[in-house]
C-alpha atoms as a PDB file:
ATOM      1  CA  MET A   1     -48.860  25.889 -20.731  1.00  0.00           C
ATOM      2  CA  ALA A   2     -52.436  24.959 -20.490  1.00  0.00           C
ATOM      3  CA  GLU A   3     -54.654  24.348 -23.863  1.00  0.00           C
ATOM      4  CA  MET A   4     -56.539  27.398 -24.574  1.00  0.00           C
ATOM      5  CA  PRO A   5     -60.254  26.729 -25.459  1.00  0.00           C
ATOM      6  CA  ALA A   6     -60.643  26.951 -29.542  1.00  0.00           C
ATOM      7  CA  ASN A   7     -64.716  28.491 -29.014  1.00  0.00           C
ATOM      8  CA  ARG A   8     -64.672  30.923 -26.723  1.00  0.00           C
ATOM      9  CA  HIS A   9     -67.321  33.462 -27.111  1.00  0.00           C
ATOM     10  CA  GLY A  10     -66.077  37.391 -26.653  1.00  0.00           C
ATOM     11  CA  VAL A  11     -62.370  36.502 -26.764  1.00  0.00           C
ATOM     12  CA  GLY A  12     -61.388  40.259 -26.519  1.00  0.00           C
ATOM     13  CA  VAL A  13     -57.504  40.151 -25.335  1.00  0.00           C
ATOM     14  CA  PHE A  14     -55.839  37.457 -23.237  1.00  0.00           C
ATOM     15  CA  LEU A  15     -52.287  38.024 -22.101  1.00  0.00           C
ATOM     16  CA  GLU A  16     -50.366  35.217 -20.373  1.00  0.00           C
ATOM     17  CA  LEU A  17     -46.728  35.722 -19.285  1.00  0.00           C
ATOM     18  CA  ARG A  18     -44.533  33.010 -17.877  1.00  0.00           C
ATOM     19  CA  LYS A  19     -41.674  34.508 -15.657  1.00  0.00           C
ATOM     20  CA  ARG A  20     -39.221  31.259 -15.606  1.00  0.00           C
ATOM     21  CA  LEU A  21     -39.746  31.019 -19.336  1.00  0.00           C
ATOM     22  CA  GLN A  22     -39.444  34.387 -19.648  1.00  0.00           C
ATOM     23  CA  SER A  23     -42.199  34.551 -22.809  1.00  0.00           C
ATOM     24  CA  GLY A  24     -45.483  35.338 -22.934  1.00  0.00           C
ATOM     25  CA  LEU A  25     -48.501  34.314 -25.069  1.00  0.00           C
ATOM     26  CA  LEU A  26     -51.055  37.011 -26.290  1.00  0.00           C
ATOM     27  CA  ILE A  27     -54.420  36.367 -27.872  1.00  0.00           C
ATOM     28  CA  VAL A  28     -56.610  38.912 -29.915  1.00  0.00           C
ATOM     29  CA  GLY A  29     -59.953  38.040 -31.016  1.00  0.00           C
ATOM     30  CA  LYS A  30     -60.398  38.600 -34.896  1.00  0.00           C
ATOM     31  CA  ASP A  31     -63.166  41.232 -34.279  1.00  0.00           C
ATOM     32  CA  ILE A  32     -60.634  43.405 -32.236  1.00  0.00           C
ATOM     33  CA  ALA A  33     -58.127  43.319 -35.056  1.00  0.00           C
ATOM     34  CA  GLY A  34     -58.762  41.825 -38.318  1.00  0.00           C
ATOM     35  CA  SER A  35     -55.213  40.408 -39.079  1.00  0.00           C
ATOM     36  CA  PRO A  36     -51.538  40.740 -37.138  1.00  0.00           C
ATOM     37  CA  ALA A  37     -50.782  43.944 -38.951  1.00  0.00           C
ATOM     38  CA  ASP A  38     -53.559  45.716 -36.852  1.00  0.00           C
ATOM     39  CA  VAL A  39     -51.712  44.510 -33.509  1.00  0.00           C
ATOM     40  CA  GLY A  40     -49.305  46.489 -31.928  1.00  0.00           C
ATOM     41  CA  VAL A  41     -47.280  45.908 -28.746  1.00  0.00           C
ATOM     42  CA  THR A  42     -44.693  47.950 -27.182  1.00  0.00           C
ATOM     43  CA  GLY A  43     -44.144  48.771 -23.654  1.00  0.00           C
ATOM     44  CA  GLY A  44     -41.375  49.422 -20.877  1.00  0.00           C
ATOM     45  CA  ASP A  45     -40.473  48.868 -17.231  1.00  0.00           C
ATOM     46  CA  SER A  46     -44.070  47.469 -15.086  1.00  0.00           C
ATOM     47  CA  SER A  47     -46.066  48.287 -18.235  1.00  0.00           C
ATOM     48  CA  LEU A  48     -47.688  47.202 -21.914  1.00  0.00           C
ATOM     49  CA  CYS A  49     -49.285  48.672 -24.531  1.00  0.00           C
ATOM     50  CA  ILE A  50     -51.539  47.032 -27.004  1.00  0.00           C
ATOM     51  CA  ARG A  51     -52.884  48.704 -29.709  1.00  0.00           C
ATOM     52  CA  THR A  52     -55.911  47.285 -32.003  1.00  0.00           C
ATOM     53  CA  PRO A  53     -58.476  49.222 -34.341  1.00  0.00           C
ATOM     54  CA  ARG A  54     -60.569  49.069 -31.830  1.00  0.00           C
ATOM     55  CA  GLY A  55     -58.974  50.635 -29.085  1.00  0.00           C
ATOM     56  CA  GLU A  56     -55.531  50.384 -26.510  1.00  0.00           C
ATOM     57  CA  LEU A  57     -54.979  47.883 -23.755  1.00  0.00           C
ATOM     58  CA  SER A  58     -52.834  48.977 -21.379  1.00  0.00           C
ATOM     59  CA  PRO A  59     -51.850  45.936 -18.563  1.00  0.00           C
ATOM     60  CA  ILE A  60     -49.953  46.973 -15.322  1.00  0.00           C
ATOM     61  CA  LEU A  61     -47.118  44.553 -15.090  1.00  0.00           C
ATOM     62  CA  PRO A  62     -45.778  43.456 -11.579  1.00  0.00           C
ATOM     63  CA  PRO A  63     -42.996  45.332 -10.548  1.00  0.00           C
ATOM     64  CA  GLY A  64     -39.623  43.693 -12.271  1.00  0.00           C
ATOM     65  CA  VAL A  65     -41.596  42.238 -15.221  1.00  0.00           C
ATOM     66  CA  SER A  66     -40.734  44.448 -18.320  1.00  0.00           C
ATOM     67  CA  PHE A  67     -41.341  43.675 -22.291  1.00  0.00           C
ATOM     68  CA  GLU A  68     -38.698  43.048 -24.459  1.00  0.00           C
ATOM     69  CA  GLU A  69     -39.301  45.690 -27.363  1.00  0.00           C
ATOM     70  CA  GLY A  70     -39.646  44.338 -30.937  1.00  0.00           C
ATOM     71  CA  SER A  71     -40.168  40.534 -29.682  1.00  0.00           C
ATOM     72  CA  CYS A  72     -43.668  39.968 -30.257  1.00  0.00           C
ATOM     73  CA  ILE A  73     -44.358  37.871 -33.064  1.00  0.00           C
ATOM     74  CA  PRO A  74     -47.423  36.423 -34.761  1.00  0.00           C
ATOM     75  CA  THR A  75     -47.808  32.316 -34.421  1.00  0.00           C
ATOM     76  CA  PRO A  76     -48.587  29.892 -36.723  1.00  0.00           C
ATOM     77  CA  ALA A  77     -51.737  28.456 -34.206  1.00  0.00           C
ATOM     78  CA  GLY A  78     -53.414  31.926 -34.854  1.00  0.00           C
ATOM     79  CA  GLU A  79     -53.640  31.715 -38.663  1.00  0.00           C
ATOM     80  CA  SER A  80     -55.354  28.466 -38.629  1.00  0.00           C
ATOM     81  CA  CYS A  81     -57.597  29.469 -35.792  1.00  0.00           C
ATOM     82  CA  GLY A  82     -60.775  31.296 -37.201  1.00  0.00           C
ATOM     83  CA  GLU A  83     -61.847  33.852 -34.508  1.00  0.00           C
ATOM     84  CA  GLU A  84     -58.449  34.466 -32.680  1.00  0.00           C
ATOM     85  CA  LEU A  85     -54.804  35.678 -33.509  1.00  0.00           C
ATOM     86  CA  HIS A  86     -52.168  34.442 -31.792  1.00  0.00           C
ATOM     87  CA  PHE A  87     -48.580  36.079 -30.720  1.00  0.00           C
ATOM     88  CA  ARG A  88     -45.448  35.269 -28.956  1.00  0.00           C
ATOM     89  CA  LEU A  89     -43.453  37.851 -27.165  1.00  0.00           C
ATOM     90  CA  ARG A  90     -40.730  37.524 -24.720  1.00  0.00           C
ATOM     91  CA  ILE A  91     -39.994  39.710 -21.271  1.00  0.00           C
ATOM     92  CA  ASN A  92     -37.433  40.371 -18.787  1.00  0.00           C
ATOM     93  CA  VAL A  93     -37.804  39.643 -15.034  1.00  0.00           C
ATOM     94  CA  VAL A  94     -35.714  40.733 -12.167  1.00  0.00           C
ATOM     95  CA  GLN A  95     -36.022  38.514  -9.616  1.00  0.00           C
ATOM     96  CA  SER A  96     -37.141  39.675  -5.956  1.00  0.00           C
ATOM     97  CA  ARG A  97     -36.684  37.939  -2.621  1.00  0.00           C
ATOM     98  CA  ASN A  98     -40.410  39.025  -1.566  1.00  0.00           C
ATOM     99  CA  GLU A  99     -42.191  37.968  -4.806  1.00  0.00           C
ATOM    100  CA  GLU A 100     -42.945  34.418  -3.475  1.00  0.00           C
ATOM    101  CA  ALA A 101     -44.483  36.022  -0.273  1.00  0.00           C
ATOM    102  CA  CYS A 102     -47.930  35.225   0.646  1.00  0.00           C
ATOM    103  CA  ASP A 103     -50.466  36.753   3.170  1.00  0.00           C
ATOM    104  CA  GLY A 104     -52.257  33.711   4.225  1.00  0.00           C
ATOM    105  CA  VAL A 105     -53.358  32.712   7.799  1.00  0.00           C
ATOM    106  CA  MET A 106     -50.192  30.403   7.780  1.00  0.00           C
ATOM    107  CA  GLU A 107     -47.604  33.087   6.856  1.00  0.00           C
ATOM    108  CA  THR A 108     -49.228  35.625   9.256  1.00  0.00           C
ATOM    109  CA  LEU A 109     -48.923  33.983  12.680  1.00  0.00           C
ATOM    110  CA  ARG A 110     -45.484  34.325  14.539  1.00  0.00           C
ATOM    111  CA  ALA A 111     -44.475  33.246  17.810  1.00  0.00           C
ATOM    112  CA  LYS A 112     -44.405  36.371  20.754  1.00  0.00           C
ATOM    113  CA  GLU A 113     -46.487  38.363  18.302  1.00  0.00           C
ATOM    114  CA  THR A 114     -50.474  39.193  19.193  1.00  0.00           C
ATOM    115  CA  TYR A 115     -53.120  38.751  17.066  1.00  0.00           C
ATOM    116  CA  CYS A 116     -56.880  38.658  16.881  1.00  0.00           C
ATOM    117  CA  PHE A 117     -59.124  36.404  15.079  1.00  0.00           C
ATOM    118  CA  TYR A 118     -62.174  37.528  12.908  1.00  0.00           C
ATOM    119  CA  CYS A 119     -65.409  35.380  11.495  1.00  0.00           C
ATOM    120  CA  GLN A 120     -64.502  35.815   7.755  1.00  0.00           C
ATOM    121  CA  GLY A 121     -68.397  36.116   7.003  1.00  0.00           C
ATOM    122  CA  CYS A 122     -69.444  39.118   9.173  1.00  0.00           C
ATOM    123  CA  MET A 123     -65.886  40.410  10.455  1.00  0.00           C
ATOM    124  CA  THR A 124     -66.905  39.625  14.422  1.00  0.00           C
ATOM    125  CA  ARG A 125     -64.004  39.511  16.171  1.00  0.00           C
ATOM    126  CA  LEU A 126     -63.749  35.952  17.703  1.00  0.00           C
ATOM    127  CA  LEU A 127     -60.372  36.238  19.936  1.00  0.00           C
ATOM    128  CA  GLU A 128     -58.939  38.909  21.117  1.00  0.00           C
ATOM    129  CA  ASP A 129     -55.302  39.996  21.822  1.00  0.00           C
ATOM    130  CA  ARG A 130     -54.084  36.285  21.431  1.00  0.00           C
ATOM    131  CA  LEU A 131     -50.124  35.875  22.518  1.00  0.00           C
ATOM    132  CA  PHE A 132     -48.434  32.782  21.216  1.00  0.00           C
ATOM    133  CA  LYS A 133     -45.537  31.801  22.682  1.00  0.00           C
ATOM    134  CA  ARG A 134     -44.998  28.968  20.338  1.00  0.00           C
ATOM    135  CA  VAL A 135     -45.921  28.519  16.792  1.00  0.00           C
ATOM    136  CA  LEU A 136     -45.446  25.196  15.396  1.00  0.00           C
ATOM    137  CA  PRO A 137     -46.387  22.815  12.108  1.00  0.00           C
ATOM    138  CA  LEU A 138     -48.050  19.952  12.697  1.00  0.00           C
ATOM    139  CA  PRO A 139     -46.782  16.813  11.029  1.00  0.00           C
ATOM    140  CA  ASN A 140     -48.473  16.077   7.721  1.00  0.00           C
ATOM    141  CA  GLY A 141     -47.568  13.723   4.529  1.00  0.00           C
ATOM    142  CA  ASN A 142     -49.185  10.683   5.636  1.00  0.00           C
ATOM    143  CA  TRP A 143     -46.510  10.716   8.551  1.00  0.00           C
ATOM    144  CA  ASN A 144     -47.784   8.066  10.715  1.00  0.00           C
ATOM    145  CA  ALA A 145     -47.677   5.478   7.795  1.00  0.00           C
ATOM    146  CA  ILE A 146     -43.633   6.282   7.845  1.00  0.00           C
ATOM    147  CA  VAL A 147     -43.498   6.090  11.600  1.00  0.00           C
ATOM    148  CA  ASP A 148     -45.005   2.196  11.439  1.00  0.00           C
ATOM    149  CA  ASP A 149     -42.546   1.225   8.423  1.00  0.00           C
ATOM    150  CA  TRP A 150     -39.487   2.980   9.436  1.00  0.00           C
ATOM    151  CA  CYS A 151     -39.286   3.774  12.843  1.00  0.00           C
ATOM    152  CA  CYS A 152     -38.354   1.187  15.250  1.00  0.00           C
ATOM    153  CA  HIS A 153     -40.075   2.205  18.505  1.00  0.00           C
ATOM    154  CA  PRO A 154     -43.539   2.208  18.847  1.00  0.00           C
ATOM    155  CA  ASP A 155     -46.107   4.124  17.608  1.00  0.00           C
ATOM    156  CA  PRO A 156     -46.957   7.069  20.361  1.00  0.00           C
ATOM    157  CA  PHE A 157     -50.124   7.711  18.788  1.00  0.00           C
ATOM    158  CA  ALA A 158     -51.506   4.365  18.767  1.00  0.00           C
ATOM    159  CA  ASN A 159     -54.173   4.508  21.354  1.00  0.00           C
ATOM    160  CA  ASN A 160     -55.455   7.574  19.389  1.00  0.00           C
ATOM    161  CA  ASN A 161     -53.569  10.197  21.674  1.00  0.00           C
ATOM    162  CA  LYS A 162     -53.702  13.963  19.835  1.00  0.00           C
ATOM    163  CA  LEU A 163     -51.357  16.766  19.475  1.00  0.00           C
ATOM    164  CA  LEU A 164     -53.091  19.629  21.416  1.00  0.00           C
ATOM    165  CA  PRO A 165     -52.126  23.031  22.160  1.00  0.00           C
ATOM    166  CA  ARG A 166     -50.743  24.258  25.202  1.00  0.00           C
ATOM    167  CA  ALA A 167     -52.272  28.051  26.548  1.00  0.00           C
ATOM    168  CA  GLU A 168     -49.878  29.838  24.428  1.00  0.00           C
ATOM    169  CA  ASP A 169     -49.451  27.825  21.373  1.00  0.00           C
ATOM    170  CA  CYS A 170     -50.598  27.390  18.015  1.00  0.00           C
ATOM    171  CA  LEU A 171     -50.277  24.236  16.008  1.00  0.00           C
ATOM    172  CA  LEU A 172     -50.683  24.815  12.267  1.00  0.00           C
ATOM    173  CA  GLY A 173     -52.268  22.224   9.930  1.00  0.00           C
ATOM    174  CA  ASP A 174     -52.467  22.101   6.298  1.00  0.00           C
ATOM    175  CA  THR A 175     -55.507  23.860   6.433  1.00  0.00           C
ATOM    176  CA  PHE A 176     -56.550  24.662  10.061  1.00  0.00           C
ATOM    177  CA  VAL A 177     -55.269  25.978  13.191  1.00  0.00           C
ATOM    178  CA  LEU A 178     -55.298  24.410  16.626  1.00  0.00           C
ATOM    179  CA  LEU A 179     -55.509  27.047  19.553  1.00  0.00           C
ATOM    180  CA  ALA A 180     -56.500  26.517  23.369  1.00  0.00           C
ATOM    181  CA  ARG A 181     -60.038  27.836  24.233  1.00  0.00           C
ATOM    182  CA  ASP A 182     -60.162  30.872  26.707  1.00  0.00           C
ATOM    183  CA  ASP A 183     -63.264  32.571  28.249  1.00  0.00           C
ATOM    184  CA  SER A 184     -63.665  34.747  25.544  1.00  0.00           C
ATOM    185  CA  CYS A 185     -65.123  31.833  23.170  1.00  0.00           C
ATOM    186  CA  GLU A 186     -68.293  31.878  25.258  1.00  0.00           C
ATOM    187  CA  HIS A 187     -69.156  35.454  24.055  1.00  0.00           C
ATOM    188  CA  THR A 188     -68.348  34.870  20.308  1.00  0.00           C
ATOM    189  CA  LEU A 189     -68.685  30.816  19.730  1.00  0.00           C
ATOM    190  CA  THR A 190     -71.487  28.088  19.674  1.00  0.00           C
ATOM    191  CA  GLN A 191     -71.099  24.568  19.283  1.00  0.00           C
ATOM    192  CA  GLU A 192     -73.472  21.874  18.203  1.00  0.00           C
ATOM    193  CA  VAL A 193     -72.524  18.101  17.611  1.00  0.00           C
ATOM    194  CA  SER A 194     -73.027  17.055  14.077  1.00  0.00           C
ATOM    195  CA  PRO A 195     -72.763  13.714  12.017  1.00  0.00           C
ATOM    196  CA  VAL A 196     -70.277  13.311   9.346  1.00  0.00           C
ATOM    197  CA  GLY A 197     -70.829  10.701   6.340  1.00  0.00           C
ATOM    198  CA  SER A 198     -73.843   9.198   5.272  1.00  0.00           C
ATOM    199  CA  GLU A 199     -75.838   7.724   8.003  1.00  0.00           C
ATOM    200  CA  ASP A 200     -76.826   4.763   5.565  1.00  0.00           C
ATOM    201  CA  ASN A 201     -73.173   4.031   4.683  1.00  0.00           C
ATOM    202  CA  GLN A 202     -73.272   0.333   3.979  1.00  0.00           C
ATOM    203  CA  ASP A 203     -69.396   0.317   4.755  1.00  0.00           C
ATOM    204  CA  PRO A 204     -68.636  -0.588   8.034  1.00  0.00           C
ATOM    205  CA  LYS A 205     -64.895   0.988   8.008  1.00  0.00           C
ATOM    206  CA  LYS A 206     -66.592   4.376   7.115  1.00  0.00           C
ATOM    207  CA  ALA A 207     -69.442   4.310   9.409  1.00  0.00           C
ATOM    208  CA  CYS A 208     -70.849   7.575  10.214  1.00  0.00           C
ATOM    209  CA  ARG A 209     -69.000   9.516  13.022  1.00  0.00           C
ATOM    210  CA  ARG A 210     -70.223  12.809  14.901  1.00  0.00           C
ATOM    211  CA  VAL A 211     -68.027  15.965  15.525  1.00  0.00           C
ATOM    212  CA  THR A 212     -68.239  19.140  17.353  1.00  0.00           C
ATOM    213  CA  LEU A 213     -68.971  21.843  14.984  1.00  0.00           C
ATOM    214  CA  ILE A 214     -67.942  25.693  16.354  1.00  0.00           C
ATOM    215  CA  SER A 215     -69.883  28.613  14.999  1.00  0.00           C
ATOM    216  CA  CYS A 216     -70.101  32.159  14.694  1.00  0.00           C
ATOM    217  CA  LYS A 217     -72.406  33.458  17.157  1.00  0.00           C
ATOM    218  CA  SER A 218     -73.170  36.574  15.303  1.00  0.00           C
ATOM    219  CA  CYS A 219     -73.619  34.798  11.905  1.00  0.00           C
ATOM    220  CA  SER A 220     -73.650  31.248  12.600  1.00  0.00           C
ATOM    221  CA  SER A 221     -70.913  30.465  10.454  1.00  0.00           C
ATOM    222  CA  VAL A 222     -69.180  27.191  10.549  1.00  0.00           C
ATOM    223  CA  LEU A 223     -65.865  28.239  11.642  1.00  0.00           C
ATOM    224  CA  GLY A 224     -64.486  24.723  12.882  1.00  0.00           C
ATOM    225  CA  GLU A 225     -64.318  22.069  14.945  1.00  0.00           C
ATOM    226  CA  ALA A 226     -63.639  21.599  18.845  1.00  0.00           C
ATOM    227  CA  ILE A 227     -61.579  18.157  18.892  1.00  0.00           C
ATOM    228  CA  ALA A 228     -60.975  18.397  22.535  1.00  0.00           C
ATOM    229  CA  PRO A 229     -63.031  20.062  25.324  1.00  0.00           C
ATOM    230  CA  GLU A 230     -60.278  23.118  25.633  1.00  0.00           C
ATOM    231  CA  THR A 231     -59.099  23.058  22.046  1.00  0.00           C
ATOM    232  CA  LEU A 232     -60.296  24.818  18.965  1.00  0.00           C
ATOM    233  CA  LYS A 233     -59.624  23.818  15.244  1.00  0.00           C
ATOM    234  CA  LEU A 234     -60.319  26.594  13.439  1.00  0.00           C
ATOM    235  CA  TYR A 235     -60.486  26.214   9.572  1.00  0.00           C
ATOM    236  CA  ILE A 236     -58.189  28.651   7.427  1.00  0.00           C
ATOM    237  CA  THR A 237     -60.852  29.630   4.885  1.00  0.00           C
ATOM    238  CA  GLN A 238     -63.544  30.619   7.576  1.00  0.00           C
ATOM    239  CA  VAL A 239     -61.247  33.127   9.773  1.00  0.00           C
ATOM    240  CA  VAL A 240     -59.190  36.062   9.123  1.00  0.00           C
ATOM    241  CA  VAL A 241     -56.169  36.564  11.493  1.00  0.00           C
ATOM    242  CA  GLU A 242     -54.402  40.176  12.021  1.00  0.00           C
ATOM    243  CA  PRO A 243     -51.845  41.434  14.441  1.00  0.00           C
ATOM    244  CA  SER A 244     -53.106  42.989  17.228  1.00  0.00           C
ATOM    245  CA  VAL A 245     -52.281  46.712  16.909  1.00  0.00           C
ATOM    246  CA  GLY A 246     -54.118  49.351  19.034  1.00  0.00           C
ATOM    247  CA  ASP A 247     -57.497  49.868  18.127  1.00  0.00           C
ATOM    248  CA  ARG A 248     -57.185  49.494  14.461  1.00  0.00           C
ATOM    249  CA  LYS A 249     -60.293  47.747  12.939  1.00  0.00           C
ATOM    250  CA  PRO A 250     -59.970  45.241  10.430  1.00  0.00           C
ATOM    251  CA  GLU A 251     -60.604  45.879   6.556  1.00  0.00           C
ATOM    252  CA  ALA A 252     -63.865  45.491   5.322  1.00  0.00           C
ATOM    253  CA  SER A 253     -64.234  41.367   4.510  1.00  0.00           C
ATOM    254  CA  LEU A 254     -63.363  40.430   1.194  1.00  0.00           C
ATOM    255  CA  ASN A 255     -65.817  38.720  -1.828  1.00  0.00           C
ATOM    256  CA  ARG A 256     -66.374  35.108  -0.219  1.00  0.00           C
ATOM    257  CA  SER A 257     -64.994  33.625  -3.564  1.00  0.00           C
ATOM    258  CA  LEU A 258     -62.071  35.885  -3.658  1.00  0.00           C
ATOM    259  CA  PHE A 259     -61.333  35.246   0.142  1.00  0.00           C
ATOM    260  CA  LEU A 260     -61.236  31.274  -0.622  1.00  0.00           C
ATOM    261  CA  GLU A 261     -59.372  31.775  -3.946  1.00  0.00           C
ATOM    262  CA  ARG A 262     -56.838  33.530  -2.485  1.00  0.00           C
ATOM    263  CA  THR A 263     -56.357  31.462   0.578  1.00  0.00           C
ATOM    264  CA  VAL A 264     -56.106  28.307  -1.238  1.00  0.00           C
ATOM    265  CA  ALA A 265     -53.539  29.320  -3.555  1.00  0.00           C
ATOM    266  CA  ALA A 266     -51.534  30.263  -1.262  1.00  0.00           C
ATOM    267  CA  ARG A 267     -51.877  26.955   0.645  1.00  0.00           C
ATOM    268  CA  LEU A 268     -51.350  25.036  -2.504  1.00  0.00           C
ATOM    269  CA  LEU A 269     -48.387  27.375  -3.437  1.00  0.00           C
ATOM    270  CA  GLU A 270     -46.726  26.742  -0.056  1.00  0.00           C
ATOM    271  CA  LEU A 271     -47.127  23.021   0.222  1.00  0.00           C
ATOM    272  CA  SER A 272     -45.933  23.052  -3.668  1.00  0.00           C
ATOM    273  CA  ASN A 273     -42.604  24.822  -2.278  1.00  0.00           C
ATOM    274  CA  SER A 274     -42.150  23.068   1.027  1.00  0.00           C
ATOM    275  CA  LEU A 275     -43.022  19.603  -0.009  1.00  0.00           C
ATOM    276  CA  SER A 276     -42.234  19.387  -3.968  1.00  0.00           C
ATOM    277  CA  THR A 277     -45.162  18.064  -4.165  1.00  0.00           C
ATOM    278  CA  PHE A 278     -47.658  19.411  -7.142  1.00  0.00           C
ATOM    279  CA  HIS A 279     -50.987  17.015  -6.175  1.00  0.00           C
ATOM    280  CA  PHE A 280     -53.524  17.676  -4.121  1.00  0.00           C
ATOM    281  CA  CYS A 281     -56.847  16.269  -2.745  1.00  0.00           C
ATOM    282  CA  VAL A 282     -59.636  18.284  -1.549  1.00  0.00           C
ATOM    283  CA  GLN A 283     -61.630  16.329   0.962  1.00  0.00           C
ATOM    284  CA  PRO A 284     -64.699  17.756   3.549  1.00  0.00           C
ATOM    285  CA  PRO A 285     -64.738  16.744   6.810  1.00  0.00           C
ATOM    286  CA  ASP A 286     -66.419  12.964   6.335  1.00  0.00           C
ATOM    287  CA  GLY A 287     -63.016  11.948   4.234  1.00  0.00           C
ATOM    288  CA  LYS A 288     -64.218  11.438   1.016  1.00  0.00           C
ATOM    289  CA  ALA A 289     -62.308  12.954  -1.904  1.00  0.00           C
ATOM    290  CA  PHE A 290     -64.436  16.085  -3.290  1.00  0.00           C
ATOM    291  CA  LEU A 291     -61.668  17.299  -5.741  1.00  0.00           C
ATOM    292  CA  LEU A 292     -58.422  15.994  -7.263  1.00  0.00           C
ATOM    293  CA  LEU A 293     -56.068  19.072  -7.990  1.00  0.00           C
ATOM    294  CA  TRP A 294     -52.767  19.367  -9.956  1.00  0.00           C
ATOM    295  CA  LEU A 295     -50.591  22.398 -10.075  1.00  0.00           C
ATOM    296  CA  LEU A 296     -49.303  22.814 -13.716  1.00  0.00           C
ATOM    297  CA  ASN A 297     -47.322  26.136 -12.890  1.00  0.00           C
ATOM    298  CA  SER A 298     -47.114  28.538 -10.466  1.00  0.00           C
ATOM    299  CA  ASP A 299     -45.029  31.640 -12.258  1.00  0.00           C
ATOM    300  CA  SER A 300     -47.986  32.812 -14.611  1.00  0.00           C
ATOM    301  CA  ILE A 301     -49.240  36.473 -14.908  1.00  0.00           C
ATOM    302  CA  ILE A 302     -52.463  37.085 -16.625  1.00  0.00           C
ATOM    303  CA  ALA A 303     -54.681  40.009 -17.841  1.00  0.00           C
ATOM    304  CA  SER A 304     -57.504  40.317 -20.185  1.00  0.00           C
ATOM    305  CA  ALA A 305     -60.203  42.391 -21.577  1.00  0.00           C
ATOM    306  CA  SER A 306     -63.766  41.412 -22.837  1.00  0.00           C
ATOM    307  CA  GLU A 307     -65.451  42.743 -25.748  1.00  0.00           C
ATOM    308  CA  MET A 308     -68.318  44.767 -25.302  1.00  0.00           C
ATOM    309  CA  CYS A 309     -70.777  46.742 -28.050  1.00  0.00           C
ATOM    310  CA  ALA A 310     -70.537  50.184 -27.804  1.00  0.00           C
ATOM    311  CA  GLY A 311     -72.583  53.121 -29.274  1.00  0.00           C
ATOM    312  CA  GLY A 312     -72.077  56.262 -31.015  1.00  0.00           C
ATOM    313  CA  GLU A 313     -70.455  55.582 -34.226  1.00  0.00           C
ATOM    314  CA  ARG A 314     -69.800  51.937 -33.865  1.00  0.00           C
ATOM    315  CA  SER A 315     -72.434  49.084 -35.069  1.00  0.00           C
ATOM    316  CA  ILE A 316     -73.486  46.416 -33.046  1.00  0.00           C
ATOM    317  CA  ASN A 317     -70.939  44.568 -34.767  1.00  0.00           C
ATOM    318  CA  SER A 318     -67.864  46.638 -33.746  1.00  0.00           C
ATOM    319  CA  PRO A 319     -67.073  45.912 -30.462  1.00  0.00           C
ATOM    320  CA  ALA A 320     -64.640  48.194 -28.134  1.00  0.00           C
ATOM    321  CA  LEU A 321     -62.099  47.223 -25.769  1.00  0.00           C
ATOM    322  CA  HIS A 322     -63.494  47.242 -21.958  1.00  0.00           C
ATOM    323  CA  SER A 323     -61.275  47.817 -19.290  1.00  0.00           C
ATOM    324  CA  PRO A 324     -58.200  50.113 -20.879  1.00  0.00           C
ATOM    325  CA  SER A 325     -55.638  49.527 -18.048  1.00  0.00           C
ATOM    326  CA  PRO A 326     -56.637  46.121 -16.033  1.00  0.00           C
ATOM    327  CA  ARG A 327     -54.023  44.916 -13.719  1.00  0.00           C
ATOM    328  CA  ALA A 328     -52.213  42.087 -14.330  1.00  0.00           C
ATOM    329  CA  ALA A 329     -52.543  39.535 -11.719  1.00  0.00           C
ATOM    330  CA  ARG A 330     -50.224  36.442 -10.727  1.00  0.00           C
ATOM    331  CA  ALA A 331     -52.195  33.237 -11.163  1.00  0.00           C
ATOM    332  CA  LEU A 332     -51.748  29.309 -10.424  1.00  0.00           C
ATOM    333  CA  LYS A 333     -52.668  27.187 -13.418  1.00  0.00           C
ATOM    334  CA  LEU A 334     -54.292  24.013 -12.463  1.00  0.00           C
ATOM    335  CA  LEU A 335     -55.412  21.060 -13.909  1.00  0.00           C
ATOM    336  CA  TYR A 336     -58.744  19.415 -11.861  1.00  0.00           C
ATOM    337  CA  ILE A 337     -60.953  16.456 -11.697  1.00  0.00           C
ATOM    338  CA  ALA A 338     -64.216  16.940  -9.786  1.00  0.00           C
ATOM    339  CA  CYS A 339     -65.129  13.674  -8.349  1.00  0.00           C
ATOM    340  CA  SER A 340     -68.964  12.409  -8.156  1.00  0.00           C
ATOM    341  CA  ASP A 341     -70.701   9.472  -6.547  1.00  0.00           C
ATOM    342  CA  THR A 342     -71.462   8.173 -10.276  1.00  0.00           C
ATOM    343  CA  GLY A 343     -68.152   7.689 -11.446  1.00  0.00           C
ATOM    344  CA  ILE A 344     -68.299  10.480 -13.946  1.00  0.00           C
ATOM    345  CA  GLN A 345     -65.040  12.903 -14.212  1.00  0.00           C
ATOM    346  CA  GLN A 346     -64.944  15.969 -14.888  1.00  0.00           C
ATOM    347  CA  ARG A 347     -61.631  17.375 -16.417  1.00  0.00           C
ATOM    348  CA  GLU A 348     -60.729  21.101 -17.099  1.00  0.00           C
ATOM    349  CA  TRP A 349     -58.049  23.256 -17.352  1.00  0.00           C
ATOM    350  CA  ARG A 350     -58.621  26.321 -14.944  1.00  0.00           C
ATOM    351  CA  THR A 351     -56.356  28.978 -14.077  1.00  0.00           C
END
C-alpha cells in the first residue's frame, strides 16, 4: 500500500479498501475528530457509515463489498501523527465474474458487429456503420527481437513491411487501432504531414522523421496517423467507439481528463493481466520516454470527503464534512517517474 503523505491540508476523511487483502485504511483529520473515541464505523451490504462530531459520511461501496462489524480499530500510526487519526478495518468480498470488465475501446470491439467512431473532443461522427469480419490483436512485447533470437526462419518484416488491415479488418495495438480507410473519411478527416522529433537532433540514429497526422475536420483534434495511403491508425485516447444501434445518439463527451484517466487505466489493467507485466513506459510519437509507470495494485477502492468551513453555529475553526454520500470508486495505484531533459526525475505516489 502506498505511503500516505504526512502533511496534507484539509485531510477530512479518506478511505482505502483492498479487495484482495480484505482490509482497509481509514484516515480522519483531527479537526474532524479529536480522538479515536469520536469516530464510529458501522455498515452493511455495500454501505458504510462513518460518524464523527462534525457529521456523518456514508460511502456507497461496490456490489459484493461489505464492512465487517466491529473490525475498525485505531492504529499506532495515528497516535504518532499530529494531524490525523488512522484506523484499520476488515471487509468481506463476494467475487463477481464481471468485476474485472472494462469499457475501453479495446474491450468494446468485437467481430461481426457494427460500430461508429466519434471524435472524443467534439463527438463528431467520424466513421459510420463499420462492420468488421475480423478483430485481431497485433503482436506486442518486443516481439520482433524474440523472432530474431528464437526463430530459425528469416524475419518477414526485415524490409520494413507492415501488418496492414484489409477492408473489413480491425487490428488492435496496445494504444491504437488500425482500420482500412473508406470514402466517408474525406468528409470527416483531414491529414497533414508533420515532423516528429527534433530537427537539430545530434544523434544520427534518431533523425527527425515525418508522419502524416489525421485530424478531425470539425475541431482539428489530432486523432492518429495515416501509416499507409489506405490505412488509418487511430489513438484510443482520441476516439470513442460505440455499437451502431438504430438512430441512437452517443452520450455527451466526457471531461477530457476523466476520459484519459479511464482509458489509460483500462489499458494498464488489461495489459498487466494479459502480459503479467507491471511496468510501463509512456512515449510520444518520437519514441522518447515521457513517463515511467509501475502498477502497484489494482484492487483498491477509495472514497474521500474534504472539509469545508461552515456557517451558522460552527466557527471557522470547526469544519464540517463535505459530500455526505460519496461513491467509493475503484482505483489503480501507481508509482511514476517523470522523465525530463535535465535528468531530474520526479518520484511520486499517485492513485
